[in-house]
Amino acid sequence: MSLKMESFGEVNFANAELGDARRSRRLAKTADLMCRRPGGSLPQKLNNPKDLKALYRLMRCDEVTHQAILDSHREATQEKIAQTRGPVLILHDATELDYTTHLSLQQDLGQIGNGNQRGYIVQNSLAVNSENRCVLGLVNQVLHHRANVPDGETTVEKRERESRESLLWPRGTEPLPDNWKLIDVCDQGADTFEFLEHEVNSGRRFVIRAAYDRGIVIGHGDVSESETGNLRTHARELPEAGWWTLSVTSKVEKKSPKRKGKKKTVKRVARKAKMAVSFAAVQIKPPGKKNGKHGNAPLKVWVVRVWEVNPPKGQERLEWFLVTNEPVLTFEDA
């Protein structure tokens, strides 16, 4: 006797609480149809007029909400995480959904892009199997719209405002348990002391790309007896612990200057780059002026610097500064 394999739609959406089992079945079927044609507009994804009309009818139901659909998918994702033996990466990042031309949504939207467009900032938290890079699914998705902030907002007022975008990072982690198996991975936007403290106390591991040359205490010893410095500066002074070769792809991008001016086109050539790594135990000191809600104790972490040893002439050196609570004691650890 053969068992029927569940489709993508059935796995992720068949259990959605939409007020009627027929709606859940329609949602699962629609998801499967969209998987066949992931690109294009809705009429292109659902080329049968009956299927398209059924989707529109489904979306008009008050019970069919973003939260209800997400809850069903998240439950399926959490089951996959539980079945995964190795570490699971939780990749956190934001993107923008542009609904400028959708006049019926204007009251729910905020500024995006350069301020002339309207839409959502969407904070995604995507679970990925670290060993085979298989995507397991979303563990969270936060729909955010920028608030209209009054001119002259003080630091205290900003810190107390629940709509500030820096809170998207901790909000994205809210459904996650305190499990060392999970590793939060974030880019430079997450480099706030508030979020770093949140992650240190989360019970999970994390890797965050450092954006600032923060004040630090060198080592994990007694703060009053330890040397102080700055994160990125100290990392650049550390000796090379080892190196390896990285295959770098070609890339063309527009980069804004650090100060005012026009964007310039930067071309990165494909190459085999010799990459070096260094690491050290440090304690990140709290900032003198609080931009978020956090304590005053320094955070015990490790900093890992990765850099290109001899970049080709005319090419920008590859370099990353990473902050983690994963103990880094050897080149292999780094």
Protein backbone atom coordinates (compact mmCIF):
# COMPACT_ATOMS: atom_id res chain seq x y z
CA MET A 1 0.00 0.00 0.00
CA SER A 2 1.56 3.32 -1.09
CA LEU A 3 1.20 6.43 1.02
CA LYS A 4 0.15 9.66 -0.68
CA MET A 5 2.87 12.32 -0.50
CA GLU A 6 1.65 15.69 0.68
CA SER A 7 2.22 18.59 -1.70
CA PHE A 8 3.97 21.84 -0.75
CA GLY A 9 0.62 23.57 -0.33
CA GLU A 10 -0.79 20.79 1.85
CA VAL A 11 2.28 20.69 4.11
CA ASN A 12 2.36 24.45 4.66
CA PHE A 13 -1.24 25.63 4.48
CA ALA A 14 -3.72 22.74 4.88
CA ASN A 15 -3.94 23.46 8.63
CA ALA A 16 -4.47 27.19 8.30
CA GLU A 17 -7.27 28.45 10.57
CA LEU A 18 -9.36 30.38 8.04
CA GLY A 19 -12.84 29.78 9.45
CA ASP A 20 -13.76 27.10 6.91
CA ALA A 21 -11.93 23.92 5.85
CA ARG A 22 -12.77 24.67 2.20
CA ARG A 23 -10.76 27.89 2.41
CA SER A 24 -7.74 26.01 3.75
CA ARG A 25 -7.99 23.50 0.90
CA ARG A 26 -8.25 26.32 -1.64
CA LEU A 27 -5.21 28.06 -0.14
CA ALA A 28 -3.17 24.83 -0.35
CA LYS A 29 -4.25 24.22 -3.95
CA THR A 30 -3.45 27.82 -4.94
CA ALA A 31 0.02 27.56 -3.40
CA ASP A 32 0.70 24.42 -5.44
CA LEU A 33 -0.45 26.13 -8.64
CA MET A 34 1.81 29.11 -7.92
CA CYS A 35 4.77 26.79 -7.37
CA ARG A 36 4.43 25.64 -10.98
CA ARG A 37 4.74 29.23 -12.24
CA PRO A 38 6.60 31.23 -9.57
CA GLY A 39 7.24 34.21 -11.85
CA GLY A 40 4.88 36.77 -13.32
CA SER A 41 1.58 38.31 -12.25
CA LEU A 42 -1.34 36.51 -10.61
CA PRO A 43 -3.14 35.96 -13.96
CA GLN A 44 0.08 34.41 -15.28
CA LYS A 45 0.54 32.20 -12.21
CA LEU A 46 -3.12 31.11 -12.29
CA ASN A 47 -3.87 30.89 -16.00
CA ASN A 48 -7.21 29.17 -15.40
CA PRO A 49 -9.79 31.95 -14.83
CA LYS A 50 -11.65 29.79 -12.30
CA ASP A 51 -8.53 29.43 -10.13
CA LEU A 52 -7.83 33.16 -10.31
CA LYS A 53 -11.41 34.05 -9.35
CA ALA A 54 -11.28 31.55 -6.48
CA LEU A 55 -8.13 33.25 -5.12
CA TYR A 56 -9.72 36.70 -5.28
CA ARG A 57 -12.79 35.34 -3.47
CA LEU A 58 -10.56 33.75 -0.82
CA MET A 59 -8.62 36.99 -0.24
CA ARG A 60 -11.85 38.91 0.37
CA CYS A 61 -12.66 36.80 3.44
CA ASP A 62 -11.99 38.60 6.74
CA GLU A 63 -10.62 35.42 8.30
CA VAL A 64 -7.93 35.07 5.63
CA THR A 65 -5.20 37.23 7.17
CA HIS A 66 -1.45 37.44 6.86
CA GLN A 67 -1.12 36.16 10.44
CA ALA A 68 -3.39 33.15 9.88
CA ILE A 69 -1.48 32.06 6.78
CA LEU A 70 1.90 32.68 8.42
CA ASP A 71 0.96 30.68 11.53
CA SER A 72 0.21 27.61 9.42
CA HIS A 73 3.44 27.86 7.44
CA ARG A 74 5.48 28.58 10.58
CA GLU A 75 4.13 25.44 12.26
CA ALA A 76 5.32 23.37 9.29
CA THR A 77 8.71 25.10 9.40
CA GLN A 78 9.13 24.38 13.11
CA GLU A 79 8.42 20.69 12.49
CA LYS A 80 11.17 20.62 9.86
CA ILE A 81 13.57 22.33 12.29
CA ALA A 82 12.80 19.69 14.92
CA GLN A 83 13.60 16.95 12.40
CA THR A 84 16.93 18.55 11.41
CA ARG A 85 19.93 17.11 13.23
CA GLY A 86 22.56 19.75 12.56
CA PRO A 87 22.58 23.46 13.34
CA VAL A 88 19.85 25.55 11.71
CA LEU A 89 20.64 29.04 10.46
CA ILE A 90 17.94 31.67 10.97
CA LEU A 91 18.65 34.34 8.35
CA HIS A 92 17.16 37.70 9.30
CA ASP A 93 16.81 40.55 6.81
CA ALA A 94 14.33 43.08 5.47
CA THR A 95 12.97 43.78 2.01
CA GLU A 96 10.45 46.26 0.63
CA LEU A 97 7.05 45.63 -0.96
CA ASP A 98 6.05 48.52 -3.21
CA TYR A 99 2.26 49.12 -3.34
CA THR A 100 2.42 52.76 -4.40
CA THR A 101 -0.23 52.32 -7.09
CA HIS A 102 -2.65 50.40 -4.83
CA LEU A 103 -4.78 53.31 -3.65
CA SER A 104 -7.05 51.12 -1.50
CA LEU A 105 -4.06 50.29 0.75
CA GLN A 106 -2.71 53.81 1.28
CA GLN A 107 -3.84 54.10 4.91
CA ASP A 108 -1.94 50.92 5.83
CA LEU A 109 1.33 51.82 4.10
CA GLY A 110 4.41 53.88 4.90
CA GLN A 111 7.30 55.45 3.04
CA ILE A 112 9.78 53.14 1.33
CA GLY A 113 12.72 53.64 -1.01
CA ASN A 114 13.71 57.29 -1.32
CA GLY A 115 10.47 58.36 0.36
CA ASN A 116 8.42 58.79 -2.80
CA GLN A 117 7.03 55.24 -2.79
CA ARG A 118 4.54 53.62 -0.42
CA GLY A 119 4.59 50.09 0.87
CA TYR A 120 5.70 47.70 3.59
CA ILE A 121 9.09 46.95 5.06
CA VAL A 122 9.03 43.18 5.50
CA GLN A 123 11.33 41.61 8.09
CA ASN A 124 11.87 37.96 7.15
CA SER A 125 13.37 35.25 9.36
CA LEU A 126 14.24 32.28 7.15
CA ALA A 127 15.33 28.88 8.50
CA VAL A 128 18.04 27.08 6.50
CA ASN A 129 19.72 23.72 7.08
CA SER A 130 23.37 24.66 7.63
CA GLU A 131 24.71 21.37 6.26
CA ASN A 132 22.95 21.13 2.89
CA ARG A 133 21.67 24.73 2.51
CA CYS A 134 18.11 23.47 2.13
CA VAL A 135 15.50 26.14 2.92
CA LEU A 136 13.15 24.94 5.66
CA GLY A 137 10.80 27.93 5.63
CA LEU A 138 9.95 31.16 7.42
CA VAL A 139 9.86 31.21 11.21
CA ASN A 140 8.58 34.78 11.17
CA GLN A 141 7.60 37.61 8.85
CA VAL A 142 6.85 41.07 10.23
CA LEU A 143 4.94 43.58 8.09
CA HIS A 144 6.04 47.07 9.08
CA HIS A 145 5.19 50.51 7.78
CA ARG A 146 7.23 53.57 8.63
CA ALA A 147 5.57 55.93 11.05
CA ASN A 148 5.29 59.66 10.37
CA VAL A 149 7.78 60.97 12.92
CA PRO A 150 7.42 64.59 14.05
CA ASP A 151 10.31 66.96 13.42
CA GLY A 152 12.59 67.44 16.39
CA GLU A 153 12.01 64.01 17.92
CA THR A 154 14.35 63.63 20.88
CA THR A 155 16.54 60.59 21.60
CA VAL A 156 14.31 59.66 24.55
CA GLU A 157 11.16 59.93 22.42
CA LYS A 158 12.70 57.79 19.70
CA ARG A 159 13.84 55.17 22.22
CA GLU A 160 10.29 54.90 23.61
CA ARG A 161 8.63 54.76 20.18
CA GLU A 162 7.46 51.21 19.45
CA SER A 163 7.45 51.83 15.68
CA ARG A 164 11.21 52.40 15.33
CA GLU A 165 12.77 50.08 12.75
CA SER A 166 15.59 48.90 15.01
CA LEU A 167 12.96 46.85 16.89
CA LEU A 168 12.32 44.73 13.79
CA TRP A 169 15.36 42.60 14.64
CA PRO A 170 14.18 41.45 18.10
CA ARG A 171 10.59 41.21 16.82
CA GLY A 172 11.77 38.83 14.10
CA THR A 173 13.17 36.46 16.74
CA GLU A 174 10.05 36.43 18.98
CA PRO A 175 8.78 32.95 17.93
CA LEU A 176 12.22 31.34 18.40
CA PRO A 177 13.01 29.17 21.45
CA ASP A 178 16.18 29.38 23.54
CA ASN A 179 17.89 26.57 21.66
CA TRP A 180 21.66 26.44 20.98
CA LYS A 181 20.85 24.52 17.78
CA LEU A 182 19.55 27.75 16.24
CA ILE A 183 21.95 30.39 14.92
CA ASP A 184 20.65 33.89 14.21
CA VAL A 185 22.50 35.39 11.24
CA CYS A 186 22.18 39.14 10.64
CA ASP A 187 23.81 41.84 8.53
CA GLN A 188 25.03 45.25 9.66
CA GLY A 189 21.53 46.65 10.26
CA ALA A 190 21.30 44.46 13.37
CA ASP A 191 24.42 45.98 14.95
CA THR A 192 22.72 47.80 17.81
CA PHE A 193 23.71 47.29 21.43
CA GLU A 194 20.05 46.65 22.23
CA PHE A 195 19.87 43.71 19.81
CA LEU A 196 23.33 42.39 20.71
CA GLU A 197 22.27 42.25 24.37
CA HIS A 198 19.01 40.58 23.32
CA GLU A 199 20.96 37.90 21.43
CA VAL A 200 23.51 37.31 24.20
CA ASN A 201 20.59 36.52 26.54
CA SER A 202 18.55 34.56 23.96
CA GLY A 203 19.91 31.06 24.59
CA ARG A 204 20.70 30.81 20.85
CA ARG A 205 23.92 31.34 18.95
CA PHE A 206 24.34 34.31 16.65
CA VAL A 207 26.60 35.83 14.00
CA ILE A 208 26.16 39.56 13.35
CA ARG A 209 28.18 41.62 10.90
CA ALA A 210 29.62 44.56 12.84
CA ALA A 211 28.93 48.02 11.43
CA TYR A 212 30.60 50.17 14.10
CA ASP A 213 33.97 50.50 15.76
CA ARG A 214 32.44 50.05 19.19
CA GLY A 215 34.22 50.56 22.48
CA ILE A 216 35.40 47.25 23.94
CA VAL A 217 37.19 45.64 26.84
CA ILE A 218 39.85 43.28 25.50
CA GLY A 219 39.39 39.71 26.75
CA HIS A 220 36.76 38.18 29.01
CA GLY A 221 38.54 39.00 32.27
CA ASP A 222 37.76 41.51 34.99
CA VAL A 223 36.63 44.73 33.33
CA SER A 224 38.44 46.96 35.82
CA GLU A 225 41.77 45.23 35.18
CA SER A 226 41.57 44.79 31.39
CA GLU A 227 42.81 46.90 28.51
CA THR A 228 40.24 48.78 26.46
CA GLY A 229 40.06 49.61 22.77
CA ASN A 230 37.71 49.65 19.78
CA LEU A 231 36.24 46.62 18.06
CA ARG A 232 37.26 47.00 14.42
CA THR A 233 40.53 48.74 15.26
CA HIS A 234 41.52 45.95 17.65
CA ALA A 235 40.52 43.26 15.13
CA ARG A 236 42.78 44.85 12.49
CA GLU A 237 45.72 44.67 14.90
CA LEU A 238 45.32 40.94 15.56
CA PRO A 239 47.76 38.46 13.99
CA GLU A 240 46.65 36.24 11.12
CA ALA A 241 45.46 32.87 12.45
CA GLY A 242 45.21 31.14 9.08
CA TRP A 243 44.08 31.59 5.50
CA TRP A 244 42.17 29.90 2.69
CA THR A 245 41.15 30.57 -0.92
CA LEU A 246 37.73 32.03 -1.74
CA SER A 247 36.14 32.00 -5.20
CA VAL A 248 34.86 35.55 -5.78
CA THR A 249 32.23 36.17 -8.45
CA SER A 250 32.15 39.25 -10.66
CA LYS A 251 29.71 42.00 -9.70
CA VAL A 252 28.65 45.46 -10.81
CA GLU A 253 26.89 47.73 -8.32
CA LYS A 254 26.15 51.38 -7.64
CA LYS A 255 27.75 52.67 -4.44
CA SER A 256 26.95 55.88 -2.60
CA PRO A 257 29.90 57.94 -1.36
CA LYS A 258 30.41 58.26 2.40
CA ARG A 259 29.68 61.94 2.03
CA LYS A 260 27.41 63.79 -0.38
CA GLY A 261 27.82 63.11 -4.06
CA LYS A 262 26.65 60.96 -6.93
CA LYS A 263 26.67 57.20 -6.82
CA LYS A 264 29.53 55.56 -8.66
CA THR A 265 29.66 52.27 -10.51
CA VAL A 266 31.96 49.74 -8.88
CA LYS A 267 33.03 46.65 -10.81
CA ARG A 268 34.29 43.61 -8.92
CA VAL A 269 36.32 41.17 -10.99
CA ALA A 270 36.02 37.41 -10.57
CA ARG A 271 39.09 35.98 -8.86
CA LYS A 272 40.55 33.45 -6.45
CA ALA A 273 41.08 35.56 -3.34
CA LYS A 274 43.49 34.64 -0.54
CA MET A 275 41.49 35.25 2.62
CA ALA A 276 42.95 35.54 6.12
CA VAL A 277 41.18 35.37 9.47
CA SER A 278 41.85 36.62 12.99
CA PHE A 279 39.79 36.43 16.17
CA ALA A 280 39.69 37.51 19.80
CA ALA A 281 37.53 37.46 22.91
CA VAL A 282 36.17 40.92 23.72
CA GLN A 283 33.49 42.61 25.79
CA ILE A 284 31.40 45.23 24.00
CA LYS A 285 30.80 48.25 26.21
CA PRO A 286 27.36 49.89 26.31
CA PRO A 287 27.15 53.20 24.45
CA GLY A 288 27.30 56.43 26.41
CA LYS A 289 23.98 57.57 24.93
CA LYS A 290 21.19 55.00 24.90
CA ASN A 291 19.40 54.80 21.56
CA GLY A 292 17.54 51.66 22.64
CA LYS A 293 16.41 49.88 25.78
CA HIS A 294 19.27 47.90 27.30
CA GLY A 295 21.37 47.43 30.39
CA ASN A 296 24.77 48.82 31.33
CA ALA A 297 26.82 45.61 31.53
CA PRO A 298 29.41 44.82 28.82
CA LEU A 299 28.66 41.87 26.53
CA LYS A 300 31.09 38.95 26.35
CA VAL A 301 31.48 37.95 22.68
CA TRP A 302 34.12 37.02 20.13
CA VAL A 303 35.09 39.16 17.14
CA VAL A 304 36.20 37.49 13.90
CA ARG A 305 37.86 39.50 11.14
CA VAL A 306 38.01 38.11 7.60
CA TRP A 307 39.98 39.96 4.94
CA GLU A 308 41.58 39.65 1.52
CA VAL A 309 45.36 39.56 1.84
CA ASN A 310 46.45 41.02 -1.51
CA PRO A 311 43.53 42.40 -3.52
CA PRO A 312 44.20 43.09 -7.22
CA LYS A 313 45.16 46.63 -8.14
CA GLY A 314 42.09 48.84 -8.40
CA GLN A 315 39.88 46.39 -6.50
CA GLU A 316 38.31 47.10 -3.12
CA ARG A 317 39.61 44.77 -0.43
CA LEU A 318 37.11 42.17 0.79
CA GLU A 319 36.72 42.53 4.56
CA TRP A 320 34.16 41.51 7.19
CA PHE A 321 33.97 41.97 10.95
CA LEU A 322 31.73 39.40 12.64
CA VAL A 323 30.49 39.32 16.24
CA THR A 324 29.38 35.99 17.73
CA ASN A 325 28.73 34.24 21.04
CA GLU A 326 30.12 31.00 19.60
CA PRO A 327 33.47 30.39 21.37
CA VAL A 328 36.27 31.02 18.85
CA LEU A 329 39.53 29.62 20.14
CA THR A 330 41.22 28.23 16.99
CA PHE A 331 41.47 28.91 13.26
CA GLU A 332 39.10 25.98 12.68
CA ASP A 333 36.53 27.57 15.04
CA ALA A 334 36.77 30.84 13.12
